[in-house]
Amino acid sequence: LTCAIYTDVEQAIQETGANLVMDITIPSSHHHVCTSA
């Protein structure tokens, strides 16, 4: 893959124009990732 690399999900969404997020994190992170998306 030649896609961009990020450490922050909100920045990744905003800068790439994403419309779908795949959350494959640990359960304790699901709420933050999902609600941010």
ModelCIF file with pLDDT and N, C-alpha, C, O atoms, coordinates in Angstrom:
data_MODEL
#
_entry.id   MODEL 
#
_entity.id                         1 
_entity.type                       polymer 
_entity.pdbx_number_of_molecules   1 
#
_entity_poly.entity_id                      1 
_entity_poly.type                           'polypeptide(L)' 
_entity_poly.nstd_linkage                   no 
_entity_poly.nstd_monomer                   no 
_entity_poly.pdbx_seq_one_letter_code       LTCAIYTDVEQAIQETGANLVMDITIPSSHHHVCTSA 
_entity_poly.pdbx_seq_one_letter_code_can   LTCAIYTDVEQAIQETGANLVMDITIPSSHHHVCTSA 
_entity_poly.pdbx_strand_id                 A 
#
loop_
_entity_poly_seq.entity_id 
_entity_poly_seq.num 
_entity_poly_seq.mon_id 
_entity_poly_seq.hetero 
1 1  LEU n 
1 2  THR n 
1 3  CYS n 
1 4  ALA n 
1 5  ILE n 
1 6  TYR n 
1 7  THR n 
1 8  ASP n 
1 9  VAL n 
1 10 GLU n 
1 11 GLN n 
1 12 ALA n 
1 13 ILE n 
1 14 GLN n 
1 15 GLU n 
1 16 THR n 
1 17 GLY n 
1 18 ALA n 
1 19 ASN n 
1 20 LEU n 
1 21 VAL n 
1 22 MET n 
1 23 ASP n 
1 24 ILE n 
1 25 THR n 
1 26 ILE n 
1 27 PRO n 
1 28 SER n 
1 29 SER n 
1 30 HIS n 
1 31 HIS n 
1 32 HIS n 
1 33 VAL n 
1 34 CYS n 
1 35 THR n 
1 36 SER n 
1 37 ALA n 
#
_struct_asym.id          A 
_struct_asym.entity_id   1 
#
loop_
_ma_qa_metric.id 
_ma_qa_metric.mode 
_ma_qa_metric.name 
_ma_qa_metric.software_group_id 
_ma_qa_metric.type 
1 global pLDDT . pLDDT 
2 local  pLDDT . pLDDT 
#
_ma_qa_metric_global.metric_id      1 
_ma_qa_metric_global.metric_value   97.16 
_ma_qa_metric_global.model_id       1 
_ma_qa_metric_global.ordinal_id     1 
#
loop_
_ma_qa_metric_local.label_asym_id 
_ma_qa_metric_local.label_comp_id 
_ma_qa_metric_local.label_seq_id 
_ma_qa_metric_local.metric_id 
_ma_qa_metric_local.metric_value 
_ma_qa_metric_local.model_id 
_ma_qa_metric_local.ordinal_id 
A LEU 1  2 96.00 1 1  
A THR 2  2 95.00 1 2  
A CYS 3  2 97.00 1 3  
A ALA 4  2 97.00 1 4  
A ILE 5  2 98.00 1 5  
A TYR 6  2 98.00 1 6  
A THR 7  2 98.00 1 7  
A ASP 8  2 98.00 1 8  
A VAL 9  2 98.00 1 9  
A GLU 10 2 98.00 1 10 
A GLN 11 2 98.00 1 11 
A ALA 12 2 98.00 1 12 
A ILE 13 2 98.00 1 13 
A GLN 14 2 98.00 1 14 
A GLU 15 2 98.00 1 15 
A THR 16 2 98.00 1 16 
A GLY 17 2 97.00 1 17 
A ALA 18 2 98.00 1 18 
A ASN 19 2 98.00 1 19 
A LEU 20 2 98.00 1 20 
A VAL 21 2 98.00 1 21 
A MET 22 2 98.00 1 22 
A ASP 23 2 98.00 1 23 
A ILE 24 2 97.00 1 24 
A THR 25 2 96.00 1 25 
A ILE 26 2 92.00 1 26 
A PRO 27 2 92.00 1 27 
A SER 28 2 93.00 1 28 
A SER 29 2 96.00 1 29 
A HIS 30 2 97.00 1 30 
A HIS 31 2 98.00 1 31 
A HIS 32 2 98.00 1 32 
A VAL 33 2 98.00 1 33 
A CYS 34 2 98.00 1 34 
A THR 35 2 98.00 1 35 
A SER 36 2 98.00 1 36 
A ALA 37 2 98.00 1 37 
#
loop_
_atom_site.group_PDB 
_atom_site.id 
_atom_site.type_symbol 
_atom_site.label_atom_id 
_atom_site.label_alt_id 
_atom_site.label_comp_id 
_atom_site.label_asym_id 
_atom_site.label_entity_id 
_atom_site.label_seq_id 
_atom_site.pdbx_PDB_ins_code 
_atom_site.Cartn_x 
_atom_site.Cartn_y 
_atom_site.Cartn_z 
_atom_site.occupancy 
_atom_site.B_iso_or_equiv 
_atom_site.pdbx_formal_charge 
_atom_site.auth_seq_id 
_atom_site.auth_comp_id 
_atom_site.auth_asym_id 
_atom_site.auth_atom_id 
_atom_site.pdbx_PDB_model_num 
ATOM 1   N N  . LEU A 1 1  ? 0.830   -1.196 0.000  1.00 96.00 ? 1  LEU A N  1 
ATOM 2   C CA . LEU A 1 1  ? 0.000   0.000  0.000  1.00 96.00 ? 1  LEU A CA 1 
ATOM 3   C C  . LEU A 1 1  ? 0.869   1.252  0.000  1.00 96.00 ? 1  LEU A C  1 
ATOM 4   O O  . LEU A 1 1  ? 1.925   1.293  0.632  1.00 96.00 ? 1  LEU A O  1 
ATOM 5   N N  . THR A 1 2  ? 0.413   2.259  -0.709 1.00 95.00 ? 2  THR A N  1 
ATOM 6   C CA . THR A 1 2  ? 1.152   3.531  -0.775 1.00 95.00 ? 2  THR A CA 1 
ATOM 7   C C  . THR A 1 2  ? 0.362   4.659  -0.108 1.00 95.00 ? 2  THR A C  1 
ATOM 8   O O  . THR A 1 2  ? 0.570   5.833  -0.412 1.00 95.00 ? 2  THR A O  1 
ATOM 9   N N  . CYS A 1 3  ? -0.530  4.302  0.787  1.00 97.00 ? 3  CYS A N  1 
ATOM 10  C CA . CYS A 1 3  ? -1.398  5.281  1.437  1.00 97.00 ? 3  CYS A CA 1 
ATOM 11  C C  . CYS A 1 3  ? -0.645  6.072  2.511  1.00 97.00 ? 3  CYS A C  1 
ATOM 12  O O  . CYS A 1 3  ? 0.497   5.761  2.847  1.00 97.00 ? 3  CYS A O  1 
ATOM 13  N N  . ALA A 1 4  ? -1.315  7.101  3.041  1.00 97.00 ? 4  ALA A N  1 
ATOM 14  C CA . ALA A 1 4  ? -0.740  7.927  4.092  1.00 97.00 ? 4  ALA A CA 1 
ATOM 15  C C  . ALA A 1 4  ? -0.709  7.173  5.424  1.00 97.00 ? 4  ALA A C  1 
ATOM 16  O O  . ALA A 1 4  ? -1.493  6.253  5.656  1.00 97.00 ? 4  ALA A O  1 
ATOM 17  N N  . ILE A 1 5  ? 0.215   7.587  6.287  1.00 98.00 ? 5  ILE A N  1 
ATOM 18  C CA . ILE A 1 5  ? 0.395   6.985  7.606  1.00 98.00 ? 5  ILE A CA 1 
ATOM 19  C C  . ILE A 1 5  ? 0.119   8.043  8.666  1.00 98.00 ? 5  ILE A C  1 
ATOM 20  O O  . ILE A 1 5  ? 0.623   9.163  8.586  1.00 98.00 ? 5  ILE A O  1 
ATOM 21  N N  . TYR A 1 6  ? -0.688  7.676  9.664  1.00 98.00 ? 6  TYR A N  1 
ATOM 22  C CA . TYR A 1 6  ? -1.034  8.620  10.731 1.00 98.00 ? 6  TYR A CA 1 
ATOM 23  C C  . TYR A 1 6  ? -0.997  7.928  12.089 1.00 98.00 ? 6  TYR A C  1 
ATOM 24  O O  . TYR A 1 6  ? -1.005  6.701  12.193 1.00 98.00 ? 6  TYR A O  1 
ATOM 25  N N  . THR A 1 7  ? -0.957  8.767  13.131 1.00 98.00 ? 7  THR A N  1 
ATOM 26  C CA . THR A 1 7  ? -1.130  8.265  14.497 1.00 98.00 ? 7  THR A CA 1 
ATOM 27  C C  . THR A 1 7  ? -2.405  8.823  15.125 1.00 98.00 ? 7  THR A C  1 
ATOM 28  O O  . THR A 1 7  ? -2.712  8.501  16.273 1.00 98.00 ? 7  THR A O  1 
ATOM 29  N N  . ASP A 1 8  ? -3.158  9.656  14.394 1.00 98.00 ? 8  ASP A N  1 
ATOM 30  C CA . ASP A 1 8  ? -4.383  10.259 14.893 1.00 98.00 ? 8  ASP A CA 1 
ATOM 31  C C  . ASP A 1 8  ? -5.508  10.026 13.896 1.00 98.00 ? 8  ASP A C  1 
ATOM 32  O O  . ASP A 1 8  ? -5.395  10.396 12.727 1.00 98.00 ? 8  ASP A O  1 
ATOM 33  N N  . VAL A 1 9  ? -6.591  9.415  14.357 1.00 98.00 ? 9  VAL A N  1 
ATOM 34  C CA . VAL A 1 9  ? -7.665  9.033  13.446 1.00 98.00 ? 9  VAL A CA 1 
ATOM 35  C C  . VAL A 1 9  ? -8.403  10.242 12.887 1.00 98.00 ? 9  VAL A C  1 
ATOM 36  O O  . VAL A 1 9  ? -8.761  10.249 11.710 1.00 98.00 ? 9  VAL A O  1 
ATOM 37  N N  . GLU A 1 10 ? -8.638  11.268 13.705 1.00 98.00 ? 10 GLU A N  1 
ATOM 38  C CA . GLU A 1 10 ? -9.361  12.438 13.220 1.00 98.00 ? 10 GLU A CA 1 
ATOM 39  C C  . GLU A 1 10 ? -8.570  13.179 12.145 1.00 98.00 ? 10 GLU A C  1 
ATOM 40  O O  . GLU A 1 10 ? -9.136  13.617 11.144 1.00 98.00 ? 10 GLU A O  1 
ATOM 41  N N  . GLN A 1 11 ? -7.281  13.316 12.351 1.00 98.00 ? 11 GLN A N  1 
ATOM 42  C CA . GLN A 1 11 ? -6.437  13.943 11.334 1.00 98.00 ? 11 GLN A CA 1 
ATOM 43  C C  . GLN A 1 11 ? -6.459  13.134 10.042 1.00 98.00 ? 11 GLN A C  1 
ATOM 44  O O  . GLN A 1 11 ? -6.511  13.703 8.951  1.00 98.00 ? 11 GLN A O  1 
ATOM 45  N N  . ALA A 1 12 ? -6.420  11.822 10.161 1.00 98.00 ? 12 ALA A N  1 
ATOM 46  C CA . ALA A 1 12 ? -6.427  10.963 8.975  1.00 98.00 ? 12 ALA A CA 1 
ATOM 47  C C  . ALA A 1 12 ? -7.719  11.156 8.181  1.00 98.00 ? 12 ALA A C  1 
ATOM 48  O O  . ALA A 1 12 ? -7.690  11.245 6.954  1.00 98.00 ? 12 ALA A O  1 
ATOM 49  N N  . ILE A 1 13 ? -8.859  11.219 8.888  1.00 98.00 ? 13 ILE A N  1 
ATOM 50  C CA . ILE A 1 13 ? -10.138 11.400 8.197  1.00 98.00 ? 13 ILE A CA 1 
ATOM 51  C C  . ILE A 1 13 ? -10.186 12.756 7.500  1.00 98.00 ? 13 ILE A C  1 
ATOM 52  O O  . ILE A 1 13 ? -10.561 12.849 6.331  1.00 98.00 ? 13 ILE A O  1 
ATOM 53  N N  . GLN A 1 14 ? -9.809  13.794 8.218  1.00 98.00 ? 14 GLN A N  1 
ATOM 54  C CA . GLN A 1 14 ? -9.901  15.149 7.679  1.00 98.00 ? 14 GLN A CA 1 
ATOM 55  C C  . GLN A 1 14 ? -8.992  15.365 6.478  1.00 98.00 ? 14 GLN A C  1 
ATOM 56  O O  . GLN A 1 14 ? -9.384  16.030 5.519  1.00 98.00 ? 14 GLN A O  1 
ATOM 57  N N  . GLU A 1 15 ? -7.798  14.817 6.516  1.00 98.00 ? 15 GLU A N  1 
ATOM 58  C CA . GLU A 1 15 ? -6.825  15.094 5.461  1.00 98.00 ? 15 GLU A CA 1 
ATOM 59  C C  . GLU A 1 15 ? -6.977  14.191 4.248  1.00 98.00 ? 15 GLU A C  1 
ATOM 60  O O  . GLU A 1 15 ? -6.458  14.511 3.179  1.00 98.00 ? 15 GLU A O  1 
ATOM 61  N N  . THR A 1 16 ? -7.673  13.074 4.387  1.00 98.00 ? 16 THR A N  1 
ATOM 62  C CA . THR A 1 16 ? -7.815  12.151 3.259  1.00 98.00 ? 16 THR A CA 1 
ATOM 63  C C  . THR A 1 16 ? -9.208  12.177 2.632  1.00 98.00 ? 16 THR A C  1 
ATOM 64  O O  . THR A 1 16 ? -9.413  11.599 1.565  1.00 98.00 ? 16 THR A O  1 
ATOM 65  N N  . GLY A 1 17 ? -10.168 12.841 3.284  1.00 97.00 ? 17 GLY A N  1 
ATOM 66  C CA . GLY A 1 17 ? -11.529 12.830 2.774  1.00 97.00 ? 17 GLY A CA 1 
ATOM 67  C C  . GLY A 1 17 ? -12.184 11.460 2.874  1.00 97.00 ? 17 GLY A C  1 
ATOM 68  O O  . GLY A 1 17 ? -13.017 11.109 2.039  1.00 97.00 ? 17 GLY A O  1 
ATOM 69  N N  . ALA A 1 18 ? -11.815 10.684 3.887  1.00 98.00 ? 18 ALA A N  1 
ATOM 70  C CA . ALA A 1 18 ? -12.355 9.336  4.064  1.00 98.00 ? 18 ALA A CA 1 
ATOM 71  C C  . ALA A 1 18 ? -13.849 9.375  4.366  1.00 98.00 ? 18 ALA A C  1 
ATOM 72  O O  . ALA A 1 18 ? -14.351 10.328 4.962  1.00 98.00 ? 18 ALA A O  1 
ATOM 73  N N  . ASN A 1 19 ? -14.543 8.331  3.946  1.00 98.00 ? 19 ASN A N  1 
ATOM 74  C CA . ASN A 1 19 ? -15.960 8.197  4.306  1.00 98.00 ? 19 ASN A CA 1 
ATOM 75  C C  . ASN A 1 19 ? -16.268 6.877  5.007  1.00 98.00 ? 19 ASN A C  1 
ATOM 76  O O  . ASN A 1 19 ? -17.422 6.601  5.335  1.00 98.00 ? 19 ASN A O  1 
ATOM 77  N N  . LEU A 1 20 ? -15.239 6.061  5.237  1.00 98.00 ? 20 LEU A N  1 
ATOM 78  C CA . LEU A 1 20 ? -15.417 4.781  5.920  1.00 98.00 ? 20 LEU A CA 1 
ATOM 79  C C  . LEU A 1 20 ? -14.180 4.491  6.768  1.00 98.00 ? 20 LEU A C  1 
ATOM 80  O O  . LEU A 1 20 ? -13.049 4.579  6.290  1.00 98.00 ? 20 LEU A O  1 
ATOM 81  N N  . VAL A 1 21 ? -14.413 4.145  8.025  1.00 98.00 ? 21 VAL A N  1 
ATOM 82  C CA . VAL A 1 21 ? -13.325 3.798  8.947  1.00 98.00 ? 21 VAL A CA 1 
ATOM 83  C C  . VAL A 1 21 ? -13.462 2.346  9.355  1.00 98.00 ? 21 VAL A C  1 
ATOM 84  O O  . VAL A 1 21 ? -14.556 1.898  9.700  1.00 98.00 ? 21 VAL A O  1 
ATOM 85  N N  . MET A 1 22 ? -12.359 1.603  9.320  1.00 98.00 ? 22 MET A N  1 
ATOM 86  C CA . MET A 1 22 ? -12.318 0.234  9.825  1.00 98.00 ? 22 MET A CA 1 
ATOM 87  C C  . MET A 1 22 ? -11.566 0.242  11.145 1.00 98.00 ? 22 MET A C  1 
ATOM 88  O O  . MET A 1 22 ? -10.360 0.485  11.189 1.00 98.00 ? 22 MET A O  1 
ATOM 89  N N  . ASP A 1 23 ? -12.298 -0.028 12.219 1.00 98.00 ? 23 ASP A N  1 
ATOM 90  C CA . ASP A 1 23 ? -11.746 0.014  13.571 1.00 98.00 ? 23 ASP A CA 1 
ATOM 91  C C  . ASP A 1 23 ? -11.328 -1.381 13.999 1.00 98.00 ? 23 ASP A C  1 
ATOM 92  O O  . ASP A 1 23 ? -12.170 -2.215 14.333 1.00 98.00 ? 23 ASP A O  1 
ATOM 93  N N  . ILE A 1 24 ? -10.021 -1.635 13.989 1.00 97.00 ? 24 ILE A N  1 
ATOM 94  C CA . ILE A 1 24 ? -9.490  -2.958 14.331 1.00 97.00 ? 24 ILE A CA 1 
ATOM 95  C C  . ILE A 1 24 ? -8.567  -2.809 15.532 1.00 97.00 ? 24 ILE A C  1 
ATOM 96  O O  . ILE A 1 24 ? -7.537  -3.476 15.632 1.00 97.00 ? 24 ILE A O  1 
ATOM 97  N N  . THR A 1 25 ? -8.956  -1.924 16.440 1.00 96.00 ? 25 THR A N  1 
ATOM 98  C CA . THR A 1 25 ? -8.176  -1.656 17.634 1.00 96.00 ? 25 THR A CA 1 
ATOM 99  C C  . THR A 1 25 ? -8.638  -2.567 18.771 1.00 96.00 ? 25 THR A C  1 
ATOM 100 O O  . THR A 1 25 ? -9.523  -3.403 18.586 1.00 96.00 ? 25 THR A O  1 
ATOM 101 N N  . ILE A 1 26 ? -8.037  -2.398 19.940 1.00 92.00 ? 26 ILE A N  1 
ATOM 102 C CA . ILE A 1 26 ? -8.442  -3.155 21.119 1.00 92.00 ? 26 ILE A CA 1 
ATOM 103 C C  . ILE A 1 26 ? -9.776  -2.618 21.632 1.00 92.00 ? 26 ILE A C  1 
ATOM 104 O O  . ILE A 1 26 ? -10.103 -1.460 21.371 1.00 92.00 ? 26 ILE A O  1 
ATOM 105 N N  . PRO A 1 27 ? -10.562 -3.430 22.360 1.00 92.00 ? 27 PRO A N  1 
ATOM 106 C CA . PRO A 1 27 ? -11.899 -3.000 22.789 1.00 92.00 ? 27 PRO A CA 1 
ATOM 107 C C  . PRO A 1 27 ? -11.935 -1.668 23.528 1.00 92.00 ? 27 PRO A C  1 
ATOM 108 O O  . PRO A 1 27 ? -12.876 -0.895 23.352 1.00 92.00 ? 27 PRO A O  1 
ATOM 109 N N  . SER A 1 28 ? -10.936 -1.385 24.347 1.00 93.00 ? 28 SER A N  1 
ATOM 110 C CA . SER A 1 28 ? -10.947 -0.137 25.114 1.00 93.00 ? 28 SER A CA 1 
ATOM 111 C C  . SER A 1 28 ? -10.819 1.095  24.228 1.00 93.00 ? 28 SER A C  1 
ATOM 112 O O  . SER A 1 28 ? -11.102 2.205  24.678 1.00 93.00 ? 28 SER A O  1 
ATOM 113 N N  . SER A 1 29 ? -10.399 0.921  22.980 1.00 96.00 ? 29 SER A N  1 
ATOM 114 C CA . SER A 1 29 ? -10.257 2.048  22.051 1.00 96.00 ? 29 SER A CA 1 
ATOM 115 C C  . SER A 1 29 ? -11.453 2.207  21.128 1.00 96.00 ? 29 SER A C  1 
ATOM 116 O O  . SER A 1 29 ? -11.553 3.214  20.427 1.00 96.00 ? 29 SER A O  1 
ATOM 117 N N  . HIS A 1 30 ? -12.369 1.235  21.108 1.00 97.00 ? 30 HIS A N  1 
ATOM 118 C CA . HIS A 1 30 ? -13.449 1.258  20.128 1.00 97.00 ? 30 HIS A CA 1 
ATOM 119 C C  . HIS A 1 30 ? -14.350 2.492  20.263 1.00 97.00 ? 30 HIS A C  1 
ATOM 120 O O  . HIS A 1 30 ? -14.750 3.076  19.257 1.00 97.00 ? 30 HIS A O  1 
ATOM 121 N N  . HIS A 1 31 ? -14.663 2.882  21.477 1.00 98.00 ? 31 HIS A N  1 
ATOM 122 C CA . HIS A 1 31 ? -15.557 4.022  21.663 1.00 98.00 ? 31 HIS A CA 1 
ATOM 123 C C  . HIS A 1 31 ? -14.945 5.284  21.066 1.00 98.00 ? 31 HIS A C  1 
ATOM 124 O O  . HIS A 1 31 ? -15.616 6.013  20.335 1.00 98.00 ? 31 HIS A O  1 
ATOM 125 N N  . HIS A 1 32 ? -13.691 5.546  21.369 1.00 98.00 ? 32 HIS A N  1 
ATOM 126 C CA . HIS A 1 32 ? -13.036 6.757  20.851 1.00 98.00 ? 32 HIS A CA 1 
ATOM 127 C C  . HIS A 1 32 ? -12.943 6.735  19.333 1.00 98.00 ? 32 HIS A C  1 
ATOM 128 O O  . HIS A 1 32 ? -13.278 7.721  18.677 1.00 98.00 ? 32 HIS A O  1 
ATOM 129 N N  . VAL A 1 33 ? -12.495 5.631  18.776 1.00 98.00 ? 33 VAL A N  1 
ATOM 130 C CA . VAL A 1 33 ? -12.323 5.558  17.328 1.00 98.00 ? 33 VAL A CA 1 
ATOM 131 C C  . VAL A 1 33 ? -13.667 5.677  16.623 1.00 98.00 ? 33 VAL A C  1 
ATOM 132 O O  . VAL A 1 33 ? -13.807 6.426  15.657 1.00 98.00 ? 33 VAL A O  1 
ATOM 133 N N  . CYS A 1 34 ? -14.641 4.942  17.108 1.00 98.00 ? 34 CYS A N  1 
ATOM 134 C CA . CYS A 1 34 ? -15.947 4.910  16.458 1.00 98.00 ? 34 CYS A CA 1 
ATOM 135 C C  . CYS A 1 34 ? -16.653 6.257  16.546 1.00 98.00 ? 34 CYS A C  1 
ATOM 136 O O  . CYS A 1 34 ? -17.165 6.750  15.541 1.00 98.00 ? 34 CYS A O  1 
ATOM 137 N N  . THR A 1 35 ? -16.689 6.853  17.723 1.00 98.00 ? 35 THR A N  1 
ATOM 138 C CA . THR A 1 35 ? -17.379 8.134  17.852 1.00 98.00 ? 35 THR A CA 1 
ATOM 139 C C  . THR A 1 35 ? -16.665 9.224  17.069 1.00 98.00 ? 35 THR A C  1 
ATOM 140 O O  . THR A 1 35 ? -17.317 10.100 16.500 1.00 98.00 ? 35 THR A O  1 
ATOM 141 N N  . SER A 1 36 ? -15.338 9.188  17.030 1.00 98.00 ? 36 SER A N  1 
ATOM 142 C CA . SER A 1 36 ? -14.602 10.164 16.221 1.00 98.00 ? 36 SER A CA 1 
ATOM 143 C C  . SER A 1 36 ? -14.986 10.039 14.756 1.00 98.00 ? 36 SER A C  1 
ATOM 144 O O  . SER A 1 36 ? -15.206 11.042 14.078 1.00 98.00 ? 36 SER A O  1 
ATOM 145 N N  . ALA A 1 37 ? -15.066 8.802  14.266 1.00 98.00 ? 37 ALA A N  1 
ATOM 146 C CA . ALA A 1 37 ? -15.412 8.561  12.873 1.00 98.00 ? 37 ALA A CA 1 
ATOM 147 C C  . ALA A 1 37 ? -16.838 9.009  12.563 1.00 98.00 ? 37 ALA A C  1 
ATOM 148 O O  . ALA A 1 37 ? -17.294 8.877  11.428 1.00 98.00 ? 37 ALA A O  1 
#
